[in-house]
PDB file of all heavy atoms in Angstrom:
ATOM      1  N   LEU A   1      44.602  26.116 -27.241  1.00  0.00           N
ATOM      2  CA  LEU A   1      45.409  25.334 -26.279  1.00  0.00           C
ATOM      3  C   LEU A   1      45.124  25.842 -24.901  1.00  0.00           C
ATOM      4  O   LEU A   1      44.847  27.022 -24.739  1.00  0.00           O
ATOM      5  CB  LEU A   1      46.928  25.512 -26.567  1.00  0.00           C
ATOM      6  CG  LEU A   1      47.561  24.640 -27.608  1.00  0.00           C
ATOM      7  CD1 LEU A   1      48.951  25.196 -27.992  1.00  0.00           C
ATOM      8  CD2 LEU A   1      47.727  23.152 -27.087  1.00  0.00           C
ATOM      9  N   PHE A   2      45.158  24.918 -23.940  1.00  0.00           N
ATOM     10  CA  PHE A   2      44.976  25.325 -22.509  1.00  0.00           C
ATOM     11  C   PHE A   2      46.302  25.154 -21.780  1.00  0.00           C
ATOM     12  O   PHE A   2      47.031  24.191 -22.004  1.00  0.00           O
ATOM     13  CB  PHE A   2      43.844  24.546 -21.881  1.00  0.00           C
ATOM     14  CG  PHE A   2      42.528  24.725 -22.507  1.00  0.00           C
ATOM     15  CD1 PHE A   2      41.987  23.831 -23.383  1.00  0.00           C
ATOM     16  CD2 PHE A   2      41.773  25.860 -22.141  1.00  0.00           C
ATOM     17  CE1 PHE A   2      40.780  24.054 -23.970  1.00  0.00           C
ATOM     18  CE2 PHE A   2      40.519  26.046 -22.728  1.00  0.00           C
ATOM     19  CZ  PHE A   2      40.041  25.159 -23.621  1.00  0.00           C
ATOM     20  N   LEU A   3      46.544  26.070 -20.875  1.00  0.00           N
ATOM     21  CA  LEU A   3      47.752  26.032 -19.995  1.00  0.00           C
ATOM     22  C   LEU A   3      47.330  26.519 -18.585  1.00  0.00           C
ATOM     23  O   LEU A   3      46.841  27.636 -18.471  1.00  0.00           O
ATOM     24  CB  LEU A   3      48.845  26.976 -20.621  1.00  0.00           C
ATOM     25  CG  LEU A   3      50.158  27.157 -19.835  1.00  0.00           C
ATOM     26  CD1 LEU A   3      50.855  25.782 -19.704  1.00  0.00           C
ATOM     27  CD2 LEU A   3      50.982  28.161 -20.551  1.00  0.00           C
ATOM     28  N   ASP A   4      47.492  25.671 -17.658  1.00  0.00           N
ATOM     29  CA  ASP A   4      47.122  26.058 -16.275  1.00  0.00           C
ATOM     30  C   ASP A   4      48.047  27.092 -15.763  1.00  0.00           C
ATOM     31  O   ASP A   4      49.251  27.142 -16.099  1.00  0.00           O
ATOM     32  CB  ASP A   4      47.167  24.837 -15.359  1.00  0.00           C
ATOM     33  CG  ASP A   4      45.907  23.948 -15.459  1.00  0.00           C
ATOM     34  OD1 ASP A   4      44.951  24.348 -16.247  1.00  0.00           O
ATOM     35  OD2 ASP A   4      45.808  22.925 -14.855  1.00  0.00           O
ATOM     36  N   GLY A   5      47.545  27.977 -14.903  1.00  0.00           N
ATOM     37  CA  GLY A   5      48.271  29.133 -14.446  1.00  0.00           C
ATOM     38  C   GLY A   5      49.544  28.853 -13.595  1.00  0.00           C
ATOM     39  O   GLY A   5      50.284  29.793 -13.315  1.00  0.00           O
ATOM     40  N   ASP A   6      49.705  27.604 -13.159  1.00  0.00           N
ATOM     41  CA  ASP A   6      50.867  27.245 -12.414  1.00  0.00           C
ATOM     42  C   ASP A   6      51.732  26.176 -13.146  1.00  0.00           C
ATOM     43  O   ASP A   6      52.610  25.587 -12.528  1.00  0.00           O
ATOM     44  CB  ASP A   6      50.555  26.806 -10.994  1.00  0.00           C
ATOM     45  CG  ASP A   6      49.540  25.630 -11.020  1.00  0.00           C
ATOM     46  OD1 ASP A   6      49.059  25.225 -12.099  1.00  0.00           O
ATOM     47  OD2 ASP A   6      49.208  25.156  -9.950  1.00  0.00           O
ATOM     48  N   ASP A   7      51.520  26.024 -14.429  1.00  0.00           N
ATOM     49  CA  ASP A   7      52.325  25.142 -15.288  1.00  0.00           C
ATOM     50  C   ASP A   7      53.040  26.077 -16.300  1.00  0.00           C
ATOM     51  O   ASP A   7      52.872  27.249 -16.336  1.00  0.00           O
ATOM     52  CB  ASP A   7      51.461  24.143 -16.003  1.00  0.00           C
ATOM     53  CG  ASP A   7      50.832  23.133 -15.000  1.00  0.00           C
ATOM     54  OD1 ASP A   7      51.334  23.026 -13.864  1.00  0.00           O
ATOM     55  OD2 ASP A   7      49.790  22.541 -15.390  1.00  0.00           O
ATOM     56  N   PHE A   8      53.874  25.403 -17.174  1.00  0.00           N
ATOM     57  CA  PHE A   8      54.531  26.168 -18.195  1.00  0.00           C
ATOM     58  C   PHE A   8      55.022  25.257 -19.300  1.00  0.00           C
ATOM     59  O   PHE A   8      54.928  23.992 -19.194  1.00  0.00           O
ATOM     60  CB  PHE A   8      55.768  26.908 -17.635  1.00  0.00           C
ATOM     61  CG  PHE A   8      56.870  26.009 -17.058  1.00  0.00           C
ATOM     62  CD1 PHE A   8      57.962  25.737 -17.883  1.00  0.00           C
ATOM     63  CD2 PHE A   8      56.773  25.573 -15.846  1.00  0.00           C
ATOM     64  CE1 PHE A   8      59.006  24.900 -17.378  1.00  0.00           C
ATOM     65  CE2 PHE A   8      57.810  24.731 -15.264  1.00  0.00           C
ATOM     66  CZ  PHE A   8      58.928  24.453 -16.081  1.00  0.00           C
ATOM     67  N   TRP A   9      55.416  25.805 -20.406  1.00  0.00           N
ATOM     68  CA  TRP A   9      55.972  25.085 -21.525  1.00  0.00           C
ATOM     69  C   TRP A   9      57.505  25.211 -21.387  1.00  0.00           C
ATOM     70  O   TRP A   9      58.116  26.284 -21.263  1.00  0.00           O
ATOM     71  CB  TRP A   9      55.546  25.610 -22.851  1.00  0.00           C
ATOM     72  CG  TRP A   9      54.069  25.391 -23.100  1.00  0.00           C
ATOM     73  CD1 TRP A   9      53.251  24.464 -22.618  1.00  0.00           C
ATOM     74  CD2 TRP A   9      53.224  26.239 -23.970  1.00  0.00           C
ATOM     75  NE1 TRP A   9      51.995  24.596 -23.036  1.00  0.00           N
ATOM     76  CE2 TRP A   9      51.928  25.691 -23.855  1.00  0.00           C
ATOM     77  CE3 TRP A   9      53.466  27.348 -24.712  1.00  0.00           C
ATOM     78  CZ2 TRP A   9      50.853  26.218 -24.568  1.00  0.00           C
ATOM     79  CZ3 TRP A   9      52.319  27.848 -25.451  1.00  0.00           C
ATOM     80  CH2 TRP A   9      51.135  27.277 -25.406  1.00  0.00           C
ATOM     81  N   SER A  10      58.220  24.067 -21.413  1.00  0.00           N
ATOM     82  CA  SER A  10      59.622  24.061 -21.103  1.00  0.00           C
ATOM     83  C   SER A  10      60.495  24.278 -22.383  1.00  0.00           C
ATOM     84  O   SER A  10      61.686  24.367 -22.224  1.00  0.00           O
ATOM     85  CB  SER A  10      60.003  22.726 -20.433  1.00  0.00           C
ATOM     86  OG  SER A  10      59.687  21.617 -21.337  1.00  0.00           O
ATOM     87  N   ASP A  11      59.890  24.362 -23.563  1.00  0.00           N
ATOM     88  CA  ASP A  11      60.667  24.501 -24.764  1.00  0.00           C
ATOM     89  C   ASP A  11      60.095  25.690 -25.559  1.00  0.00           C
ATOM     90  O   ASP A  11      58.830  25.756 -25.800  1.00  0.00           O
ATOM     91  CB  ASP A  11      60.676  23.311 -25.581  1.00  0.00           C
ATOM     92  CG  ASP A  11      61.610  23.241 -26.779  1.00  0.00           C
ATOM     93  OD1 ASP A  11      61.431  24.011 -27.757  1.00  0.00           O
ATOM     94  OD2 ASP A  11      62.659  22.564 -26.689  1.00  0.00           O
ATOM     95  N   SER A  12      60.944  26.535 -26.077  1.00  0.00           N
ATOM     96  CA  SER A  12      60.461  27.746 -26.855  1.00  0.00           C
ATOM     97  C   SER A  12      59.952  27.382 -28.193  1.00  0.00           C
ATOM     98  O   SER A  12      59.365  28.276 -28.888  1.00  0.00           O
ATOM     99  CB  SER A  12      61.591  28.798 -26.921  1.00  0.00           C
ATOM    100  OG  SER A  12      62.688  28.199 -27.675  1.00  0.00           O
ATOM    101  N   HIS A  13      60.121  26.100 -28.644  1.00  0.00           N
ATOM    102  CA  HIS A  13      59.646  25.743 -29.937  1.00  0.00           C
ATOM    103  C   HIS A  13      58.381  24.860 -29.865  1.00  0.00           C
ATOM    104  O   HIS A  13      57.982  24.203 -30.875  1.00  0.00           O
ATOM    105  CB  HIS A  13      60.715  24.965 -30.678  1.00  0.00           C
ATOM    106  CG  HIS A  13      61.985  25.770 -30.921  1.00  0.00           C
ATOM    107  ND1 HIS A  13      61.913  26.958 -31.707  1.00  0.00           N
ATOM    108  CD2 HIS A  13      63.238  25.603 -30.476  1.00  0.00           C
ATOM    109  CE1 HIS A  13      63.195  27.453 -31.675  1.00  0.00           C
ATOM    110  NE2 HIS A  13      63.969  26.690 -30.947  1.00  0.00           N
ATOM    111  N   PHE A  14      57.720  24.771 -28.716  1.00  0.00           N
ATOM    112  CA  PHE A  14      56.602  23.934 -28.570  1.00  0.00           C
ATOM    113  C   PHE A  14      55.443  24.311 -29.503  1.00  0.00           C
ATOM    114  O   PHE A  14      54.911  23.504 -30.205  1.00  0.00           O
ATOM    115  CB  PHE A  14      56.106  23.981 -27.092  1.00  0.00           C
ATOM    116  CG  PHE A  14      54.808  23.243 -26.914  1.00  0.00           C
ATOM    117  CD1 PHE A  14      54.754  21.854 -27.018  1.00  0.00           C
ATOM    118  CD2 PHE A  14      53.594  23.884 -26.528  1.00  0.00           C
ATOM    119  CE1 PHE A  14      53.607  21.167 -26.816  1.00  0.00           C
ATOM    120  CE2 PHE A  14      52.426  23.262 -26.317  1.00  0.00           C
ATOM    121  CZ  PHE A  14      52.422  21.849 -26.470  1.00  0.00           C
ATOM    122  N   LEU A  15      55.085  25.581 -29.557  1.00  0.00           N
ATOM    123  CA  LEU A  15      54.005  26.040 -30.474  1.00  0.00           C
ATOM    124  C   LEU A  15      54.385  25.769 -31.946  1.00  0.00           C
ATOM    125  O   LEU A  15      53.544  25.458 -32.737  1.00  0.00           O
ATOM    126  CB  LEU A  15      53.687  27.493 -30.270  1.00  0.00           C
ATOM    127  CG  LEU A  15      52.783  27.894 -29.105  1.00  0.00           C
ATOM    128  CD1 LEU A  15      52.497  29.398 -29.157  1.00  0.00           C
ATOM    129  CD2 LEU A  15      51.531  27.060 -29.094  1.00  0.00           C
ATOM    130  N   LYS A  16      55.657  25.870 -32.287  1.00  0.00           N
ATOM    131  CA  LYS A  16      56.143  25.623 -33.608  1.00  0.00           C
ATOM    132  C   LYS A  16      55.899  24.159 -33.932  1.00  0.00           C
ATOM    133  O   LYS A  16      55.540  23.795 -35.147  1.00  0.00           O
ATOM    134  CB  LYS A  16      57.574  25.915 -33.785  1.00  0.00           C
ATOM    135  CG  LYS A  16      58.158  25.909 -35.157  1.00  0.00           C
ATOM    136  CD  LYS A  16      57.522  27.024 -36.012  1.00  0.00           C
ATOM    137  CE  LYS A  16      58.123  27.083 -37.466  1.00  0.00           C
ATOM    138  NZ  LYS A  16      57.456  28.050 -38.236  1.00  0.00           N
ATOM    139  N   GLN A  17      56.068  23.266 -32.975  1.00  0.00           N
ATOM    140  CA  GLN A  17      55.793  21.811 -33.197  1.00  0.00           C
ATOM    141  C   GLN A  17      54.330  21.619 -33.511  1.00  0.00           C
ATOM    142  O   GLN A  17      53.981  20.894 -34.465  1.00  0.00           O
ATOM    143  CB  GLN A  17      56.139  21.011 -31.978  1.00  0.00           C
ATOM    144  CG  GLN A  17      57.663  20.835 -31.696  1.00  0.00           C
ATOM    145  CD  GLN A  17      57.869  20.005 -30.432  1.00  0.00           C
ATOM    146  OE1 GLN A  17      57.869  20.494 -29.359  1.00  0.00           O
ATOM    147  NE2 GLN A  17      58.007  18.757 -30.654  1.00  0.00           N
ATOM    148  N   ILE A  18      53.511  22.298 -32.782  1.00  0.00           N
ATOM    149  CA  ILE A  18      51.994  22.205 -33.051  1.00  0.00           C
ATOM    150  C   ILE A  18      51.710  22.713 -34.494  1.00  0.00           C
ATOM    151  O   ILE A  18      51.017  22.049 -35.249  1.00  0.00           O
ATOM    152  CB  ILE A  18      51.231  22.997 -31.954  1.00  0.00           C
ATOM    153  CG1 ILE A  18      51.404  22.442 -30.621  1.00  0.00           C
ATOM    154  CG2 ILE A  18      49.745  23.052 -32.343  1.00  0.00           C
ATOM    155  CD1 ILE A  18      50.897  21.114 -30.399  1.00  0.00           C
ATOM    156  N   ALA A  19      52.215  23.892 -34.751  1.00  0.00           N
ATOM    157  CA  ALA A  19      51.983  24.475 -36.109  1.00  0.00           C
ATOM    158  C   ALA A  19      52.482  23.607 -37.237  1.00  0.00           C
ATOM    159  O   ALA A  19      51.860  23.476 -38.294  1.00  0.00           O
ATOM    160  CB  ALA A  19      52.546  25.897 -36.169  1.00  0.00           C
ATOM    161  N   SER A  20      53.641  23.050 -36.984  1.00  0.00           N
ATOM    162  CA  SER A  20      54.187  22.189 -38.053  1.00  0.00           C
ATOM    163  C   SER A  20      53.339  20.951 -38.298  1.00  0.00           C
ATOM    164  O   SER A  20      53.188  20.479 -39.422  1.00  0.00           O
ATOM    165  CB  SER A  20      55.626  21.738 -37.684  1.00  0.00           C
ATOM    166  OG  SER A  20      56.507  22.875 -37.582  1.00  0.00           O
ATOM    167  N   GLU A  21      52.796  20.395 -37.218  1.00  0.00           N
ATOM    168  CA  GLU A  21      51.887  19.258 -37.352  1.00  0.00           C
ATOM    169  C   GLU A  21      50.696  19.559 -38.229  1.00  0.00           C
ATOM    170  O   GLU A  21      50.259  18.752 -39.011  1.00  0.00           O
ATOM    171  CB  GLU A  21      51.472  18.794 -35.953  1.00  0.00           C
ATOM    172  CG  GLU A  21      50.734  17.489 -35.950  1.00  0.00           C
ATOM    173  CD  GLU A  21      51.481  16.232 -36.286  1.00  0.00           C
ATOM    174  OE1 GLU A  21      52.738  16.336 -36.257  1.00  0.00           O
ATOM    175  OE2 GLU A  21      50.915  15.217 -36.474  1.00  0.00           O
ATOM    176  N   LEU A  22      50.188  20.820 -38.119  1.00  0.00           N
ATOM    177  CA  LEU A  22      49.033  21.264 -38.831  1.00  0.00           C
ATOM    178  C   LEU A  22      49.382  21.483 -40.308  1.00  0.00           C
ATOM    179  O   LEU A  22      48.477  21.522 -41.187  1.00  0.00           O
ATOM    180  CB  LEU A  22      48.420  22.523 -38.277  1.00  0.00           C
ATOM    181  CG  LEU A  22      47.807  22.358 -36.825  1.00  0.00           C
ATOM    182  CD1 LEU A  22      47.425  23.681 -36.229  1.00  0.00           C
ATOM    183  CD2 LEU A  22      46.629  21.432 -36.889  1.00  0.00           C
ATOM    184  N   THR A  23      50.636  21.695 -40.649  1.00  0.00           N
ATOM    185  CA  THR A  23      51.014  21.767 -42.055  1.00  0.00           C
ATOM    186  C   THR A  23      50.963  20.396 -42.793  1.00  0.00           C
ATOM    187  O   THR A  23      50.843  20.309 -43.992  1.00  0.00           O
ATOM    188  CB  THR A  23      52.391  22.398 -42.271  1.00  0.00           C
ATOM    189  OG1 THR A  23      53.367  21.542 -41.646  1.00  0.00           O
ATOM    190  CG2 THR A  23      52.482  23.717 -41.586  1.00  0.00           C
ATOM    191  N   ILE A  24      50.990  19.319 -41.960  1.00  0.00           N
ATOM    192  CA  ILE A  24      50.937  18.018 -42.480  1.00  0.00           C
ATOM    193  C   ILE A  24      49.452  17.655 -42.713  1.00  0.00           C
ATOM    194  O   ILE A  24      49.125  17.091 -43.783  1.00  0.00           O
ATOM    195  CB  ILE A  24      51.570  16.995 -41.496  1.00  0.00           C
ATOM    196  CG1 ILE A  24      53.074  17.360 -41.286  1.00  0.00           C
ATOM    197  CG2 ILE A  24      51.362  15.566 -42.009  1.00  0.00           C
ATOM    198  CD1 ILE A  24      53.722  16.519 -40.192  1.00  0.00           C
ATOM    199  N   GLU A  25      48.615  17.908 -41.816  1.00  0.00           N
ATOM    200  CA  GLU A  25      47.169  17.611 -41.887  1.00  0.00           C
ATOM    201  C   GLU A  25      46.417  18.506 -40.965  1.00  0.00           C
ATOM    202  O   GLU A  25      46.766  18.663 -39.779  1.00  0.00           O
ATOM    203  CB  GLU A  25      46.932  16.159 -41.571  1.00  0.00           C
ATOM    204  CG  GLU A  25      45.452  15.812 -41.783  1.00  0.00           C
ATOM    205  CD  GLU A  25      45.194  14.348 -41.392  1.00  0.00           C
ATOM    206  OE1 GLU A  25      46.118  13.624 -40.911  1.00  0.00           O
ATOM    207  OE2 GLU A  25      44.046  13.908 -41.534  1.00  0.00           O
ATOM    208  N   LEU A  26      45.309  19.152 -41.442  1.00  0.00           N
ATOM    209  CA  LEU A  26      44.440  19.965 -40.614  1.00  0.00           C
ATOM    210  C   LEU A  26      43.506  19.064 -39.810  1.00  0.00           C
ATOM    211  O   LEU A  26      42.347  18.884 -40.222  1.00  0.00           O
ATOM    212  CB  LEU A  26      43.706  20.988 -41.480  1.00  0.00           C
ATOM    213  CG  LEU A  26      44.525  22.170 -42.006  1.00  0.00           C
ATOM    214  CD1 LEU A  26      43.638  23.025 -42.907  1.00  0.00           C
ATOM    215  CD2 LEU A  26      45.155  22.980 -40.867  1.00  0.00           C
ATOM    216  N   VAL A  27      43.971  18.557 -38.722  1.00  0.00           N
ATOM    217  CA  VAL A  27      43.096  17.716 -37.865  1.00  0.00           C
ATOM    218  C   VAL A  27      42.306  18.522 -36.866  1.00  0.00           C
ATOM    219  O   VAL A  27      42.553  19.718 -36.683  1.00  0.00           O
ATOM    220  CB  VAL A  27      44.028  16.696 -37.121  1.00  0.00           C
ATOM    221  CG1 VAL A  27      44.687  15.766 -38.123  1.00  0.00           C
ATOM    222  CG2 VAL A  27      45.046  17.392 -36.297  1.00  0.00           C
ATOM    223  N   ASP A  28      41.337  17.918 -36.291  1.00  0.00           N
ATOM    224  CA  ASP A  28      40.503  18.535 -35.295  1.00  0.00           C
ATOM    225  C   ASP A  28      41.201  18.603 -33.921  1.00  0.00           C
ATOM    226  O   ASP A  28      40.976  19.511 -33.129  1.00  0.00           O
ATOM    227  CB  ASP A  28      39.164  17.782 -35.108  1.00  0.00           C
ATOM    228  CG  ASP A  28      38.275  17.913 -36.300  1.00  0.00           C
ATOM    229  OD1 ASP A  28      38.361  19.026 -36.903  1.00  0.00           O
ATOM    230  OD2 ASP A  28      37.477  16.986 -36.590  1.00  0.00           O
ATOM    231  N   VAL A  29      42.087  17.626 -33.620  1.00  0.00           N
ATOM    232  CA  VAL A  29      42.680  17.518 -32.365  1.00  0.00           C
ATOM    233  C   VAL A  29      44.137  17.062 -32.461  1.00  0.00           C
ATOM    234  O   VAL A  29      44.447  16.083 -33.209  1.00  0.00           O
ATOM    235  CB  VAL A  29      41.916  16.536 -31.432  1.00  0.00           C
ATOM    236  CG1 VAL A  29      42.577  16.528 -29.965  1.00  0.00           C
ATOM    237  CG2 VAL A  29      40.515  16.840 -31.315  1.00  0.00           C
ATOM    238  N   ILE A  30      45.022  17.711 -31.771  1.00  0.00           N
ATOM    239  CA  ILE A  30      46.359  17.236 -31.633  1.00  0.00           C
ATOM    240  C   ILE A  30      46.616  16.889 -30.118  1.00  0.00           C
ATOM    241  O   ILE A  30      46.336  17.719 -29.247  1.00  0.00           O
ATOM    242  CB  ILE A  30      47.439  18.265 -32.079  1.00  0.00           C
ATOM    243  CG1 ILE A  30      47.295  18.613 -33.510  1.00  0.00           C
ATOM    244  CG2 ILE A  30      48.888  17.765 -31.815  1.00  0.00           C
ATOM    245  CD1 ILE A  30      48.139  19.747 -34.021  1.00  0.00           C
ATOM    246  N   ILE A  31      47.087  15.656 -29.874  1.00  0.00           N
ATOM    247  CA  ILE A  31      47.362  15.279 -28.525  1.00  0.00           C
ATOM    248  C   ILE A  31      48.856  15.132 -28.274  1.00  0.00           C
ATOM    249  O   ILE A  31      49.559  14.713 -29.188  1.00  0.00           O
ATOM    250  CB  ILE A  31      46.684  13.887 -28.287  1.00  0.00           C
ATOM    251  CG1 ILE A  31      45.184  13.922 -28.605  1.00  0.00           C
ATOM    252  CG2 ILE A  31      46.808  13.516 -26.789  1.00  0.00           C
ATOM    253  CD1 ILE A  31      44.524  12.632 -28.624  1.00  0.00           C
ATOM    254  N   PHE A  32      49.319  15.535 -27.125  1.00  0.00           N
ATOM    255  CA  PHE A  32      50.762  15.466 -26.836  1.00  0.00           C
ATOM    256  C   PHE A  32      51.023  15.041 -25.423  1.00  0.00           C
ATOM    257  O   PHE A  32      50.115  15.024 -24.583  1.00  0.00           O
ATOM    258  CB  PHE A  32      51.393  16.848 -27.144  1.00  0.00           C
ATOM    259  CG  PHE A  32      50.683  18.028 -26.563  1.00  0.00           C
ATOM    260  CD1 PHE A  32      50.923  18.482 -25.250  1.00  0.00           C
ATOM    261  CD2 PHE A  32      49.724  18.668 -27.312  1.00  0.00           C
ATOM    262  CE1 PHE A  32      50.231  19.505 -24.709  1.00  0.00           C
ATOM    263  CE2 PHE A  32      49.005  19.773 -26.771  1.00  0.00           C
ATOM    264  CZ  PHE A  32      49.266  20.191 -25.422  1.00  0.00           C
ATOM    265  N   GLY A  33      52.275  14.638 -25.183  1.00  0.00           N
ATOM    266  CA  GLY A  33      52.643  14.155 -23.842  1.00  0.00           C
ATOM    267  C   GLY A  33      52.940  15.350 -22.882  1.00  0.00           C
ATOM    268  O   GLY A  33      52.698  16.524 -23.218  1.00  0.00           O
ATOM    269  N   TYR A  34      53.486  15.052 -21.767  1.00  0.00           N
ATOM    270  CA  TYR A  34      53.856  16.065 -20.772  1.00  0.00           C
ATOM    271  C   TYR A  34      54.906  15.527 -19.846  1.00  0.00           C
ATOM    272  O   TYR A  34      55.218  14.325 -19.851  1.00  0.00           O
ATOM    273  CB  TYR A  34      52.578  16.473 -19.941  1.00  0.00           C
ATOM    274  CG  TYR A  34      51.871  15.367 -19.213  1.00  0.00           C
ATOM    275  CD1 TYR A  34      52.180  15.059 -17.948  1.00  0.00           C
ATOM    276  CD2 TYR A  34      50.868  14.592 -19.890  1.00  0.00           C
ATOM    277  CE1 TYR A  34      51.483  14.060 -17.225  1.00  0.00           C
ATOM    278  CE2 TYR A  34      50.228  13.556 -19.173  1.00  0.00           C
ATOM    279  CZ  TYR A  34      50.558  13.325 -17.877  1.00  0.00           C
ATOM    280  OH  TYR A  34      49.940  12.278 -17.253  1.00  0.00           O
ATOM    281  N   SER A  35      55.401  16.438 -19.026  1.00  0.00           N
ATOM    282  CA  SER A  35      56.338  16.062 -17.974  1.00  0.00           C
ATOM    283  C   SER A  35      55.986  16.696 -16.646  1.00  0.00           C
ATOM    284  O   SER A  35      55.132  17.633 -16.612  1.00  0.00           O
ATOM    285  CB  SER A  35      57.779  16.460 -18.381  1.00  0.00           C
ATOM    286  OG  SER A  35      57.833  17.906 -18.611  1.00  0.00           O
ATOM    287  N   TYR A  36      56.506  16.170 -15.569  1.00  0.00           N
ATOM    288  CA  TYR A  36      56.140  16.642 -14.240  1.00  0.00           C
ATOM    289  C   TYR A  36      57.237  16.392 -13.246  1.00  0.00           C
ATOM    290  O   TYR A  36      58.136  15.583 -13.450  1.00  0.00           O
ATOM    291  CB  TYR A  36      54.847  15.955 -13.836  1.00  0.00           C
ATOM    292  CG  TYR A  36      54.933  14.455 -13.756  1.00  0.00           C
ATOM    293  CD1 TYR A  36      55.245  13.787 -12.580  1.00  0.00           C
ATOM    294  CD2 TYR A  36      54.746  13.694 -14.918  1.00  0.00           C
ATOM    295  CE1 TYR A  36      55.425  12.395 -12.536  1.00  0.00           C
ATOM    296  CE2 TYR A  36      54.864  12.288 -14.873  1.00  0.00           C
ATOM    297  CZ  TYR A  36      55.205  11.681 -13.678  1.00  0.00           C
ATOM    298  OH  TYR A  36      55.297  10.300 -13.652  1.00  0.00           O
ATOM    299  N   TYR A  37      57.132  17.130 -12.140  1.00  0.00           N
ATOM    300  CA  TYR A  37      58.126  16.954 -11.075  1.00  0.00           C
ATOM    301  C   TYR A  37      57.644  15.852 -10.101  1.00  0.00           C
ATOM    302  O   TYR A  37      56.468  15.821  -9.750  1.00  0.00           O
ATOM    303  CB  TYR A  37      58.280  18.257 -10.257  1.00  0.00           C
ATOM    304  CG  TYR A  37      59.073  19.311 -11.035  1.00  0.00           C
ATOM    305  CD1 TYR A  37      58.441  20.427 -11.532  1.00  0.00           C
ATOM    306  CD2 TYR A  37      60.422  19.153 -11.266  1.00  0.00           C
ATOM    307  CE1 TYR A  37      59.113  21.437 -12.159  1.00  0.00           C
ATOM    308  CE2 TYR A  37      61.152  20.090 -11.961  1.00  0.00           C
ATOM    309  CZ  TYR A  37      60.480  21.266 -12.415  1.00  0.00           C
ATOM    310  OH  TYR A  37      61.196  22.220 -13.085  1.00  0.00           O
ATOM    311  N   TYR A  38      58.537  14.997  -9.721  1.00  0.00           N
ATOM    312  CA  TYR A  38      58.231  13.944  -8.728  1.00  0.00           C
ATOM    313  C   TYR A  38      59.495  13.624  -7.972  1.00  0.00           C
ATOM    314  O   TYR A  38      60.514  13.273  -8.558  1.00  0.00           O
ATOM    315  CB  TYR A  38      57.661  12.686  -9.422  1.00  0.00           C
ATOM    316  CG  TYR A  38      57.177  11.624  -8.436  1.00  0.00           C
ATOM    317  CD1 TYR A  38      56.021  11.766  -7.827  1.00  0.00           C
ATOM    318  CD2 TYR A  38      58.050  10.541  -8.167  1.00  0.00           C
ATOM    319  CE1 TYR A  38      55.609  10.758  -6.889  1.00  0.00           C
ATOM    320  CE2 TYR A  38      57.644   9.561  -7.273  1.00  0.00           C
ATOM    321  CZ  TYR A  38      56.411   9.731  -6.641  1.00  0.00           C
ATOM    322  OH  TYR A  38      56.051   8.747  -5.733  1.00  0.00           O
ATOM    323  N   ASP A  39      59.483  13.825  -6.617  1.00  0.00           N
ATOM    324  CA  ASP A  39      60.589  13.532  -5.782  1.00  0.00           C
ATOM    325  C   ASP A  39      61.824  14.346  -6.308  1.00  0.00           C
ATOM    326  O   ASP A  39      62.972  13.811  -6.427  1.00  0.00           O
ATOM    327  CB  ASP A  39      60.977  12.048  -5.723  1.00  0.00           C
ATOM    328  CG  ASP A  39      60.006  11.253  -4.853  1.00  0.00           C
ATOM    329  OD1 ASP A  39      59.267  11.939  -4.108  1.00  0.00           O
ATOM    330  OD2 ASP A  39      59.964  10.046  -4.964  1.00  0.00           O
ATOM    331  N   ASN A  40      61.590  15.616  -6.697  1.00  0.00           N
ATOM    332  CA  ASN A  40      62.621  16.502  -7.116  1.00  0.00           C
ATOM    333  C   ASN A  40      63.299  16.102  -8.389  1.00  0.00           C
ATOM    334  O   ASN A  40      64.447  16.498  -8.744  1.00  0.00           O
ATOM    335  CB  ASN A  40      63.745  16.668  -6.018  1.00  0.00           C
ATOM    336  CG  ASN A  40      63.233  17.308  -4.776  1.00  0.00           C
ATOM    337  OD1 ASN A  40      62.434  18.302  -4.875  1.00  0.00           O
ATOM    338  ND2 ASN A  40      63.581  16.755  -3.644  1.00  0.00           N
ATOM    339  N   GLU A  41      62.610  15.233  -9.151  1.00  0.00           N
ATOM    340  CA  GLU A  41      63.076  14.860 -10.505  1.00  0.00           C
ATOM    341  C   GLU A  41      62.022  15.155 -11.563  1.00  0.00           C
ATOM    342  O   GLU A  41      60.828  15.225 -11.240  1.00  0.00           O
ATOM    343  CB  GLU A  41      63.442  13.372 -10.551  1.00  0.00           C
ATOM    344  CG  GLU A  41      64.633  12.968  -9.645  1.00  0.00           C
ATOM    345  CD  GLU A  41      64.976  11.529  -9.829  1.00  0.00           C
ATOM    346  OE1 GLU A  41      64.369  10.868 -10.753  1.00  0.00           O
ATOM    347  OE2 GLU A  41      65.748  10.977  -9.029  1.00  0.00           O
TER     348      GLU A  41
END
């Protein structure tokens, strides 16, 4: 996984979600969404 040095993961269970997905199927790639700040929201 890549994480830019000025970003972060907002949930302490994020890696667990990734690992749980791999227990369903050992895929080559897992794609996920993201969130961002815009106009203080």
